Full PDB file with SEQRES, HELIX, SHEET, SSBOND, CRYST1, ORIGX, SCALE, CONECT and MASTER records, all heavy atoms in Angstrom:
SEQRES   1 A   32  LEU ALA VAL ILE ASP TRP GLU GLU TRP ARG PRO LEU TRP          
SEQRES   2 A   32  ASP ARG ASN TRP GLY ARG LYS ARG VAL TYR GLN THR LEU          
SEQRES   3 A   32  SER VAL SER HIS ALA GLN                                      
HELIX    1 AA1 TRP A   13  ARG A   15  5                                   3    
HELIX    2 AA2 GLY A   18  ARG A   21  5                                   4    
HELIX    3 AA3 VAL A   22  ALA A   31  1                                  10    
CRYST1    1.000    1.000    1.000  90.00  90.00  90.00 P 1           1          
ORIGX1      1.000000  0.000000  0.000000        0.00000                         
ORIGX2      0.000000  1.000000  0.000000        0.00000                         
ORIGX3      0.000000  0.000000  1.000000        0.00000                         
SCALE1      1.000000  0.000000  0.000000        0.00000                         
SCALE2      0.000000  1.000000  0.000000        0.00000                         
SCALE3      0.000000  0.000000  1.000000        0.00000                         
ATOM      1  N   LEU A   1     -80.007 -30.099 -96.761  1.00  0.00           N  
ATOM      2  CA  LEU A   1     -80.040 -29.613 -95.389  1.00  0.00           C  
ATOM      3  C   LEU A   1     -78.692 -29.868 -94.723  1.00  0.00           C  
ATOM      4  O   LEU A   1     -78.129 -30.959 -94.853  1.00  0.00           O  
ATOM      5  CB  LEU A   1     -81.140 -30.326 -94.602  1.00  0.00           C  
ATOM      6  CG  LEU A   1     -82.540 -30.367 -95.240  1.00  0.00           C  
ATOM      7  CD1 LEU A   1     -83.499 -31.149 -94.356  1.00  0.00           C  
ATOM      8  CD2 LEU A   1     -83.055 -28.960 -95.499  1.00  0.00           C  
ATOM      9  N   ALA A   2     -78.185 -28.872 -94.013  1.00  0.00           N  
ATOM     10  CA  ALA A   2     -76.928 -29.004 -93.282  1.00  0.00           C  
ATOM     11  C   ALA A   2     -77.212 -28.695 -91.812  1.00  0.00           C  
ATOM     12  O   ALA A   2     -77.533 -27.556 -91.461  1.00  0.00           O  
ATOM     13  CB  ALA A   2     -75.874 -28.054 -93.843  1.00  0.00           C  
ATOM     14  N   VAL A   3     -77.093 -29.711 -90.974  1.00  0.00           N  
ATOM     15  CA  VAL A   3     -77.480 -29.602 -89.568  1.00  0.00           C  
ATOM     16  C   VAL A   3     -76.252 -29.795 -88.685  1.00  0.00           C  
ATOM     17  O   VAL A   3     -75.592 -30.839 -88.743  1.00  0.00           O  
ATOM     18  CB  VAL A   3     -78.543 -30.654 -89.207  1.00  0.00           C  
ATOM     19  CG1 VAL A   3     -79.037 -30.429 -87.781  1.00  0.00           C  
ATOM     20  CG2 VAL A   3     -79.703 -30.601 -90.191  1.00  0.00           C  
ATOM     21  N   ILE A   4     -75.946 -28.785 -87.875  1.00  0.00           N  
ATOM     22  CA  ILE A   4     -74.830 -28.873 -86.929  1.00  0.00           C  
ATOM     23  C   ILE A   4     -75.395 -29.309 -85.581  1.00  0.00           C  
ATOM     24  O   ILE A   4     -76.234 -28.620 -84.998  1.00  0.00           O  
ATOM     25  CB  ILE A   4     -74.100 -27.526 -86.796  1.00  0.00           C  
ATOM     26  CG1 ILE A   4     -73.621 -27.038 -88.172  1.00  0.00           C  
ATOM     27  CG2 ILE A   4     -72.920 -27.661 -85.837  1.00  0.00           C  
ATOM     28  CD1 ILE A   4     -73.010 -25.649 -88.141  1.00  0.00           C  
ATOM     29  N   ASP A   5     -74.949 -30.457 -85.097  1.00  0.00           N  
ATOM     30  CA  ASP A   5     -75.476 -31.013 -83.850  1.00  0.00           C  
ATOM     31  C   ASP A   5     -74.421 -30.912 -82.756  1.00  0.00           C  
ATOM     32  O   ASP A   5     -73.661 -31.842 -82.520  1.00  0.00           O  
ATOM     33  CB  ASP A   5     -75.899 -32.472 -84.067  1.00  0.00           C  
ATOM     34  CG  ASP A   5     -76.559 -33.059 -82.833  1.00  0.00           C  
ATOM     35  OD1 ASP A   5     -76.919 -32.279 -81.934  1.00  0.00           O  
ATOM     36  OD2 ASP A   5     -76.709 -34.292 -82.767  1.00  0.00           O  
ATOM     37  N   TRP A   6     -74.365 -29.750 -82.121  1.00  0.00           N  
ATOM     38  CA  TRP A   6     -73.471 -29.497 -80.995  1.00  0.00           C  
ATOM     39  C   TRP A   6     -74.325 -29.270 -79.758  1.00  0.00           C  
ATOM     40  O   TRP A   6     -75.018 -28.259 -79.651  1.00  0.00           O  
ATOM     41  CB  TRP A   6     -72.618 -28.264 -81.251  1.00  0.00           C  
ATOM     42  CG  TRP A   6     -71.577 -28.432 -82.321  1.00  0.00           C  
ATOM     43  CD1 TRP A   6     -71.270 -29.562 -83.010  1.00  0.00           C  
ATOM     44  CD2 TRP A   6     -70.697 -27.412 -82.809  1.00  0.00           C  
ATOM     45  NE1 TRP A   6     -70.257 -29.324 -83.906  1.00  0.00           N  
ATOM     46  CE2 TRP A   6     -69.873 -28.004 -83.799  1.00  0.00           C  
ATOM     47  CE3 TRP A   6     -70.508 -26.069 -82.512  1.00  0.00           C  
ATOM     48  CZ2 TRP A   6     -68.895 -27.290 -84.491  1.00  0.00           C  
ATOM     49  CZ3 TRP A   6     -69.540 -25.356 -83.193  1.00  0.00           C  
ATOM     50  CH2 TRP A   6     -68.735 -25.968 -84.176  1.00  0.00           C  
ATOM     51  N   GLU A   7     -74.283 -30.177 -78.803  1.00  0.00           N  
ATOM     52  CA  GLU A   7     -75.212 -30.114 -77.672  1.00  0.00           C  
ATOM     53  C   GLU A   7     -74.541 -29.991 -76.309  1.00  0.00           C  
ATOM     54  O   GLU A   7     -75.232 -29.966 -75.287  1.00  0.00           O  
ATOM     55  CB  GLU A   7     -76.108 -31.360 -77.679  1.00  0.00           C  
ATOM     56  CG  GLU A   7     -76.897 -31.571 -78.952  1.00  0.00           C  
ATOM     57  CD  GLU A   7     -77.754 -32.831 -78.910  1.00  0.00           C  
ATOM     58  OE1 GLU A   7     -78.405 -33.061 -77.873  1.00  0.00           O  
ATOM     59  OE2 GLU A   7     -77.760 -33.573 -79.914  1.00  0.00           O  
ATOM     60  N   GLU A   8     -73.201 -29.889 -76.266  1.00  0.00           N  
ATOM     61  CA  GLU A   8     -72.527 -29.926 -74.962  1.00  0.00           C  
ATOM     62  C   GLU A   8     -72.724 -28.644 -74.165  1.00  0.00           C  
ATOM     63  O   GLU A   8     -72.810 -28.662 -72.945  1.00  0.00           O  
ATOM     64  CB  GLU A   8     -71.035 -30.223 -75.150  1.00  0.00           C  
ATOM     65  CG  GLU A   8     -70.751 -31.585 -75.772  1.00  0.00           C  
ATOM     66  CD  GLU A   8     -71.449 -32.704 -75.023  1.00  0.00           C  
ATOM     67  OE1 GLU A   8     -71.401 -32.723 -73.778  1.00  0.00           O  
ATOM     68  OE2 GLU A   8     -72.060 -33.580 -75.680  1.00  0.00           O  
ATOM     69  N   TRP A   9     -72.752 -27.495 -74.845  1.00  0.00           N  
ATOM     70  CA  TRP A   9     -73.023 -26.232 -74.156  1.00  0.00           C  
ATOM     71  C   TRP A   9     -73.963 -25.382 -74.994  1.00  0.00           C  
ATOM     72  O   TRP A   9     -74.158 -25.630 -76.179  1.00  0.00           O  
ATOM     73  CB  TRP A   9     -71.739 -25.448 -73.853  1.00  0.00           C  
ATOM     74  CG  TRP A   9     -70.745 -25.338 -74.986  1.00  0.00           C  
ATOM     75  CD1 TRP A   9     -69.631 -26.104 -75.170  1.00  0.00           C  
ATOM     76  CD2 TRP A   9     -70.768 -24.395 -76.080  1.00  0.00           C  
ATOM     77  NE1 TRP A   9     -68.958 -25.719 -76.315  1.00  0.00           N  
ATOM     78  CE2 TRP A   9     -69.635 -24.669 -76.894  1.00  0.00           C  
ATOM     79  CE3 TRP A   9     -71.616 -23.365 -76.461  1.00  0.00           C  
ATOM     80  CZ2 TRP A   9     -69.341 -23.945 -78.049  1.00  0.00           C  
ATOM     81  CZ3 TRP A   9     -71.326 -22.633 -77.619  1.00  0.00           C  
ATOM     82  CH2 TRP A   9     -70.193 -22.934 -78.387  1.00  0.00           C  
ATOM     83  N   ARG A  10     -74.585 -24.406 -74.332  1.00  0.00           N  
ATOM     84  CA  ARG A  10     -75.499 -23.504 -75.013  1.00  0.00           C  
ATOM     85  C   ARG A  10     -74.889 -22.106 -75.030  1.00  0.00           C  
ATOM     86  O   ARG A  10     -74.209 -21.715 -74.074  1.00  0.00           O  
ATOM     87  CB  ARG A  10     -76.864 -23.498 -74.316  1.00  0.00           C  
ATOM     88  CG  ARG A  10     -77.488 -24.896 -74.227  1.00  0.00           C  
ATOM     89  CD  ARG A  10     -78.891 -24.847 -73.623  1.00  0.00           C  
ATOM     90  NE  ARG A  10     -79.455 -26.193 -73.495  1.00  0.00           N  
ATOM     91  CZ  ARG A  10     -79.571 -26.851 -72.361  1.00  0.00           C  
ATOM     92  NH1 ARG A  10     -79.166 -26.292 -71.217  1.00  0.00           N  
ATOM     93  NH2 ARG A  10     -80.088 -28.059 -72.329  1.00  0.00           N  
ATOM     94  N   PRO A  11     -75.121 -21.325 -76.078  1.00  0.00           N  
ATOM     95  CA  PRO A  11     -74.430 -20.042 -76.230  1.00  0.00           C  
ATOM     96  C   PRO A  11     -74.848 -18.971 -75.225  1.00  0.00           C  
ATOM     97  O   PRO A  11     -74.127 -17.989 -75.046  1.00  0.00           O  
ATOM     98  CB  PRO A  11     -74.777 -19.617 -77.657  1.00  0.00           C  
ATOM     99  CG  PRO A  11     -76.057 -20.328 -77.973  1.00  0.00           C  
ATOM    100  CD  PRO A  11     -75.952 -21.638 -77.255  1.00  0.00           C  
ATOM    101  N   LEU A  12     -75.998 -19.131 -74.570  1.00  0.00           N  
ATOM    102  CA  LEU A  12     -76.396 -18.203 -73.520  1.00  0.00           C  
ATOM    103  C   LEU A  12     -75.966 -18.757 -72.166  1.00  0.00           C  
ATOM    104  O   LEU A  12     -76.270 -19.898 -71.818  1.00  0.00           O  
ATOM    105  CB  LEU A  12     -77.907 -17.976 -73.534  1.00  0.00           C  
ATOM    106  CG  LEU A  12     -78.473 -17.155 -74.707  1.00  0.00           C  
ATOM    107  CD1 LEU A  12     -79.974 -16.981 -74.547  1.00  0.00           C  
ATOM    108  CD2 LEU A  12     -77.790 -15.797 -74.820  1.00  0.00           C  
ATOM    109  N   TRP A  13     -75.276 -17.946 -71.397  1.00  0.00           N  
ATOM    110  CA  TRP A  13     -74.718 -18.342 -70.105  1.00  0.00           C  
ATOM    111  C   TRP A  13     -75.769 -18.965 -69.190  1.00  0.00           C  
ATOM    112  O   TRP A  13     -75.551 -20.022 -68.607  1.00  0.00           O  
ATOM    113  CB  TRP A  13     -74.114 -17.098 -69.458  1.00  0.00           C  
ATOM    114  CG  TRP A  13     -73.540 -17.260 -68.093  1.00  0.00           C  
ATOM    115  CD1 TRP A  13     -74.183 -17.087 -66.896  1.00  0.00           C  
ATOM    116  CD2 TRP A  13     -72.189 -17.609 -67.766  1.00  0.00           C  
ATOM    117  NE1 TRP A  13     -73.333 -17.298 -65.843  1.00  0.00           N  
ATOM    118  CE2 TRP A  13     -72.083 -17.609 -66.356  1.00  0.00           C  
ATOM    119  CE3 TRP A  13     -71.055 -17.900 -68.507  1.00  0.00           C  
ATOM    120  CZ2 TRP A  13     -70.918 -17.901 -65.686  1.00  0.00           C  
ATOM    121  CZ3 TRP A  13     -69.862 -18.185 -67.847  1.00  0.00           C  
ATOM    122  CH2 TRP A  13     -69.805 -18.200 -66.454  1.00  0.00           C  
ATOM    123  N   ASP A  14     -76.909 -18.312 -69.077  1.00  0.00           N  
ATOM    124  CA  ASP A  14     -77.933 -18.746 -68.123  1.00  0.00           C  
ATOM    125  C   ASP A  14     -78.603 -20.058 -68.513  1.00  0.00           C  
ATOM    126  O   ASP A  14     -79.331 -20.644 -67.697  1.00  0.00           O  
ATOM    127  CB  ASP A  14     -79.000 -17.660 -67.965  1.00  0.00           C  
ATOM    128  CG  ASP A  14     -78.459 -16.404 -67.307  1.00  0.00           C  
ATOM    129  OD1 ASP A  14     -77.433 -16.516 -66.600  1.00  0.00           O  
ATOM    130  OD2 ASP A  14     -79.037 -15.320 -67.497  1.00  0.00           O  
ATOM    131  N   ARG A  15     -78.396 -20.521 -69.721  1.00  0.00           N  
ATOM    132  CA  ARG A  15     -79.013 -21.776 -70.150  1.00  0.00           C  
ATOM    133  C   ARG A  15     -78.105 -22.985 -69.923  1.00  0.00           C  
ATOM    134  O   ARG A  15     -78.454 -24.102 -70.286  1.00  0.00           O  
ATOM    135  CB  ARG A  15     -79.422 -21.701 -71.622  1.00  0.00           C  
ATOM    136  CG  ARG A  15     -80.658 -20.836 -71.848  1.00  0.00           C  
ATOM    137  CD  ARG A  15     -81.138 -20.870 -73.268  1.00  0.00           C  
ATOM    138  NE  ARG A  15     -82.411 -20.158 -73.422  1.00  0.00           N  
ATOM    139  CZ  ARG A  15     -83.044 -19.967 -74.577  1.00  0.00           C  
ATOM    140  NH1 ARG A  15     -82.504 -20.442 -75.699  1.00  0.00           N  
ATOM    141  NH2 ARG A  15     -84.180 -19.313 -74.620  1.00  0.00           N  
ATOM    142  N   ASN A  16     -76.965 -22.751 -69.324  1.00  0.00           N  
ATOM    143  CA  ASN A  16     -76.055 -23.860 -69.032  1.00  0.00           C  
ATOM    144  C   ASN A  16     -76.264 -24.328 -67.594  1.00  0.00           C  
ATOM    145  O   ASN A  16     -75.491 -24.045 -66.688  1.00  0.00           O  
ATOM    146  CB  ASN A  16     -74.604 -23.440 -69.274  1.00  0.00           C  
ATOM    147  CG  ASN A  16     -74.289 -23.293 -70.743  1.00  0.00           C  
ATOM    148  OD1 ASN A  16     -74.202 -24.268 -71.475  1.00  0.00           O  
ATOM    149  ND2 ASN A  16     -74.162 -22.047 -71.187  1.00  0.00           N  
ATOM    150  N   TRP A  17     -77.384 -25.056 -67.402  1.00  0.00           N  
ATOM    151  CA  TRP A  17     -77.709 -25.583 -66.089  1.00  0.00           C  
ATOM    152  C   TRP A  17     -77.362 -27.073 -66.043  1.00  0.00           C  
ATOM    153  O   TRP A  17     -76.911 -27.663 -67.023  1.00  0.00           O  
ATOM    154  CB  TRP A  17     -79.194 -25.362 -65.787  1.00  0.00           C  
ATOM    155  CG  TRP A  17     -80.124 -25.901 -66.835  1.00  0.00           C  
ATOM    156  CD1 TRP A  17     -80.389 -27.205 -67.117  1.00  0.00           C  
ATOM    157  CD2 TRP A  17     -80.896 -25.134 -67.762  1.00  0.00           C  
ATOM    158  NE1 TRP A  17     -81.285 -27.303 -68.142  1.00  0.00           N  
ATOM    159  CE2 TRP A  17     -81.618 -26.046 -68.557  1.00  0.00           C  
ATOM    160  CE3 TRP A  17     -81.072 -23.764 -67.982  1.00  0.00           C  
ATOM    161  CZ2 TRP A  17     -82.488 -25.644 -69.568  1.00  0.00           C  
ATOM    162  CZ3 TRP A  17     -81.935 -23.372 -68.979  1.00  0.00           C  
ATOM    163  CH2 TRP A  17     -82.636 -24.289 -69.768  1.00  0.00           C  
ATOM    164  N   GLY A  18     -77.573 -27.667 -64.875  1.00  0.00           N  
ATOM    165  CA  GLY A  18     -77.311 -29.100 -64.722  1.00  0.00           C  
ATOM    166  C   GLY A  18     -75.858 -29.440 -64.990  1.00  0.00           C  
ATOM    167  O   GLY A  18     -74.950 -28.746 -64.531  1.00  0.00           O  
ATOM    168  N   ARG A  19     -75.639 -30.493 -65.746  1.00  0.00           N  
ATOM    169  CA  ARG A  19     -74.260 -30.925 -66.022  1.00  0.00           C  
ATOM    170  C   ARG A  19     -73.521 -29.934 -66.920  1.00  0.00           C  
ATOM    171  O   ARG A  19     -72.292 -29.996 -67.030  1.00  0.00           O  
ATOM    172  CB  ARG A  19     -74.247 -32.315 -66.650  1.00  0.00           C  
ATOM    173  CG  ARG A  19     -74.797 -32.406 -68.059  1.00  0.00           C  
ATOM    174  CD  ARG A  19     -74.636 -33.813 -68.626  1.00  0.00           C  
ATOM    175  NE  ARG A  19     -75.111 -33.927 -70.001  1.00  0.00           N  
ATOM    176  CZ  ARG A  19     -74.362 -33.623 -71.067  1.00  0.00           C  
ATOM    177  NH1 ARG A  19     -73.132 -33.181 -70.915  1.00  0.00           N  
ATOM    178  NH2 ARG A  19     -74.856 -33.770 -72.284  1.00  0.00           N  
ATOM    179  N   LYS A  20     -74.255 -29.034 -67.566  1.00  0.00           N  
ATOM    180  CA  LYS A  20     -73.617 -28.025 -68.407  1.00  0.00           C  
ATOM    181  C   LYS A  20     -73.031 -26.863 -67.586  1.00  0.00           C  
ATOM    182  O   LYS A  20     -72.352 -26.002 -68.134  1.00  0.00           O  
ATOM    183  CB  LYS A  20     -74.615 -27.479 -69.438  1.00  0.00           C  
ATOM    184  CG  LYS A  20     -75.007 -28.478 -70.514  1.00  0.00           C  
ATOM    185  CD  LYS A  20     -76.005 -27.887 -71.480  1.00  0.00           C  
ATOM    186  CE  LYS A  20     -76.243 -28.794 -72.683  1.00  0.00           C  
ATOM    187  NZ  LYS A  20     -76.626 -30.168 -72.336  1.00  0.00           N  
ATOM    188  N   ARG A  21     -73.293 -26.841 -66.291  1.00  0.00           N  
ATOM    189  CA  ARG A  21     -72.765 -25.771 -65.447  1.00  0.00           C  
ATOM    190  C   ARG A  21     -71.237 -25.803 -65.388  1.00  0.00           C  
ATOM    191  O   ARG A  21     -70.600 -24.819 -65.003  1.00  0.00           O  
ATOM    192  CB  ARG A  21     -73.349 -25.886 -64.034  1.00  0.00           C  
ATOM    193  CG  ARG A  21     -73.314 -24.566 -63.268  1.00  0.00           C  
ATOM    194  CD  ARG A  21     -74.043 -24.696 -61.930  1.00  0.00           C  
ATOM    195  NE  ARG A  21     -75.445 -24.977 -62.109  1.00  0.00           N  
ATOM    196  CZ  ARG A  21     -76.366 -24.048 -62.370  1.00  0.00           C  
ATOM    197  NH1 ARG A  21     -75.990 -22.785 -62.508  1.00  0.00           N  
ATOM    198  NH2 ARG A  21     -77.628 -24.379 -62.496  1.00  0.00           N  
ATOM    199  N   VAL A  22     -70.651 -26.928 -65.796  1.00  0.00           N  
ATOM    200  CA  VAL A  22     -69.192 -27.019 -65.818  1.00  0.00           C  
ATOM    201  C   VAL A  22     -68.582 -25.945 -66.724  1.00  0.00           C  
ATOM    202  O   VAL A  22     -67.471 -25.465 -66.465  1.00  0.00           O  
ATOM    203  CB  VAL A  22     -68.745 -28.437 -66.280  1.00  0.00           C  
ATOM    204  CG1 VAL A  22     -69.175 -28.714 -67.717  1.00  0.00           C  
ATOM    205  CG2 VAL A  22     -67.243 -28.602 -66.153  1.00  0.00           C  
ATOM    206  N   TYR A  23     -69.323 -25.522 -67.745  1.00  0.00           N  
ATOM    207  CA  TYR A  23     -68.800 -24.493 -68.648  1.00  0.00           C  
ATOM    208  C   TYR A  23     -68.782 -23.124 -67.979  1.00  0.00           C  
ATOM    209  O   TYR A  23     -67.934 -22.281 -68.292  1.00  0.00           O  
ATOM    210  CB  TYR A  23     -69.622 -24.471 -69.936  1.00  0.00           C  
ATOM    211  CG  TYR A  23     -69.449 -25.752 -70.717  1.00  0.00           C  
ATOM    212  CD1 TYR A  23     -70.383 -26.784 -70.614  1.00  0.00           C  
ATOM    213  CD2 TYR A  23     -68.325 -25.957 -71.504  1.00  0.00           C  
ATOM    214  CE1 TYR A  23     -70.201 -27.986 -71.299  1.00  0.00           C  
ATOM    215  CE2 TYR A  23     -68.133 -27.145 -72.187  1.00  0.00           C  
ATOM    216  CZ  TYR A  23     -69.076 -28.162 -72.076  1.00  0.00           C  
ATOM    217  OH  TYR A  23     -68.877 -29.342 -72.747  1.00  0.00           O  
ATOM    218  N   GLN A  24     -69.685 -22.905 -67.040  1.00  0.00           N  
ATOM    219  CA  GLN A  24     -69.628 -21.678 -66.254  1.00  0.00           C  
ATOM    220  C   GLN A  24     -68.436 -21.726 -65.303  1.00  0.00           C  
ATOM    221  O   GLN A  24     -67.687 -20.741 -65.172  1.00  0.00           O  
ATOM    222  CB  GLN A  24     -70.931 -21.497 -65.471  1.00  0.00           C  
ATOM    223  CG  GLN A  24     -72.163 -21.286 -66.335  1.00  0.00           C  
ATOM    224  CD  GLN A  24     -73.426 -21.099 -65.510  1.00  0.00           C  
ATOM    225  OE1 GLN A  24     -73.411 -21.284 -64.287  1.00  0.00           O  
ATOM    226  NE2 GLN A  24     -74.522 -20.752 -66.161  1.00  0.00           N  
ATOM    227  N   THR A  25     -68.246 -22.860 -64.661  1.00  0.00           N  
ATOM    228  CA  THR A  25     -67.140 -23.013 -63.718  1.00  0.00           C  
ATOM    229  C   THR A  25     -65.799 -22.823 -64.403  1.00  0.00           C  
ATOM    230  O   THR A  25     -64.924 -22.086 -63.912  1.00  0.00           O  
ATOM    231  CB  THR A  25     -67.194 -24.404 -63.060  1.00  0.00           C  
ATOM    232  OG1 THR A  25     -68.453 -24.574 -62.404  1.00  0.00           O  
ATOM    233  CG2 THR A  25     -66.069 -24.576 -62.057  1.00  0.00           C  
ATOM    234  N   LEU A  26     -65.614 -23.472 -65.556  1.00  0.00           N  
ATOM    235  CA  LEU A  26     -64.355 -23.338 -66.291  1.00  0.00           C  
ATOM    236  C   LEU A  26     -64.159 -21.919 -66.805  1.00  0.00           C  
ATOM    237  O   LEU A  26     -63.028 -21.408 -66.851  1.00  0.00           O  
ATOM    238  CB  LEU A  26     -64.329 -24.320 -67.459  1.00  0.00           C  
ATOM    239  CG  LEU A  26     -64.220 -25.810 -67.096  1.00  0.00           C  
ATOM    240  CD1 LEU A  26     -64.357 -26.681 -68.347  1.00  0.00           C  
ATOM    241  CD2 LEU A  26     -62.887 -26.089 -66.408  1.00  0.00           C  
ATOM    242  N   SER A  27     -65.233 -21.266 -67.188  1.00  0.00           N  
ATOM    243  CA  SER A  27     -65.128 -19.894 -67.686  1.00  0.00           C  
ATOM    244  C   SER A  27     -64.740 -18.932 -66.576  1.00  0.00           C  
ATOM    245  O   SER A  27     -63.959 -17.992 -66.791  1.00  0.00           O  
ATOM    246  CB  SER A  27     -66.462 -19.461 -68.305  1.00  0.00           C  
ATOM    247  OG  SER A  27     -66.755 -20.205 -69.461  1.00  0.00           O  
ATOM    248  N   VAL A  28     -65.278 -19.138 -65.380  1.00  0.00           N  
ATOM    249  CA  VAL A  28     -64.904 -18.299 -64.238  1.00  0.00           C  
ATOM    250  C   VAL A  28     -63.426 -18.485 -63.913  1.00  0.00           C  
ATOM    251  O   VAL A  28     -62.696 -17.518 -63.670  1.00  0.00           O  
ATOM    252  CB  VAL A  28     -65.787 -18.633 -63.019  1.00  0.00           C  
ATOM    253  CG1 VAL A  28     -65.228 -17.968 -61.752  1.00  0.00           C  
ATOM    254  CG2 VAL A  28     -67.221 -18.178 -63.261  1.00  0.00           C  
ATOM    255  N   SER A  29     -62.957 -19.730 -63.916  1.00  0.00           N  
ATOM    256  CA  SER A  29     -61.535 -20.001 -63.653  1.00  0.00           C  
ATOM    257  C   SER A  29     -60.659 -19.342 -64.706  1.00  0.00           C  
ATOM    258  O   SER A  29     -59.596 -18.779 -64.391  1.00  0.00           O  
ATOM    259  CB  SER A  29     -61.285 -21.509 -63.625  1.00  0.00           C  
ATOM    260  OG  SER A  29     -62.013 -22.126 -62.581  1.00  0.00           O  
ATOM    261  N   HIS A  30     -61.091 -19.411 -65.957  1.00  0.00           N  
ATOM    262  CA  HIS A  30     -60.336 -18.794 -67.054  1.00  0.00           C  
ATOM    263  C   HIS A  30     -60.247 -17.287 -66.874  1.00  0.00           C  
ATOM    264  O   HIS A  30     -59.160 -16.687 -67.040  1.00  0.00           O  
ATOM    265  CB  HIS A  30     -61.015 -19.126 -68.379  1.00  0.00           C  
ATOM    266  CG  HIS A  30     -60.367 -18.506 -69.570  1.00  0.00           C  
ATOM    267  ND1 HIS A  30     -59.109 -18.859 -70.019  1.00  0.00           N  
ATOM    268  CD2 HIS A  30     -60.808 -17.529 -70.428  1.00  0.00           C  
ATOM    269  CE1 HIS A  30     -58.798 -18.145 -71.091  1.00  0.00           C  
ATOM    270  NE2 HIS A  30     -59.815 -17.329 -71.354  1.00  0.00           N  
ATOM    271  N   ALA A  31     -61.356 -16.649 -66.524  1.00  0.00           N  
ATOM    272  CA  ALA A  31     -61.360 -15.186 -66.322  1.00  0.00           C  
ATOM    273  C   ALA A  31     -60.517 -14.811 -65.105  1.00  0.00           C  
ATOM    274  O   ALA A  31     -59.826 -13.781 -65.112  1.00  0.00           O  
ATOM    275  CB  ALA A  31     -62.794 -14.691 -66.162  1.00  0.00           C  
ATOM    276  N   GLN A  32     -60.561 -15.631 -64.050  1.00  0.00           N  
ATOM    277  CA  GLN A  32     -59.784 -15.358 -62.843  1.00  0.00           C  
ATOM    278  C   GLN A  32     -58.289 -15.422 -63.121  1.00  0.00           C  
ATOM    279  O   GLN A  32     -57.509 -14.596 -62.619  1.00  0.00           O  
ATOM    280  CB  GLN A  32     -60.154 -16.368 -61.754  1.00  0.00           C  
ATOM    281  CG  GLN A  32     -59.501 -16.096 -60.391  1.00  0.00           C  
ATOM    282  CD  GLN A  32     -60.157 -14.930 -59.678  1.00  0.00           C  
ATOM    283  OE1 GLN A  32     -61.324 -15.007 -59.316  1.00  0.00           O  
ATOM    284  NE2 GLN A  32     -59.427 -13.838 -59.477  1.00  0.00           N  
TER     285      GLN A  32                                                      
MASTER        0    0    0    3    0    0    0    6  284    1    0    3          
END                                                                             
């Protein structure tokens, strides 16, 4: 079994709530 444990962000935008909302904020700044 090969298990990748990456939990800091989720690949769907709308699922990045709570402390993960920072990835939305940084992404908006990047696009701007």
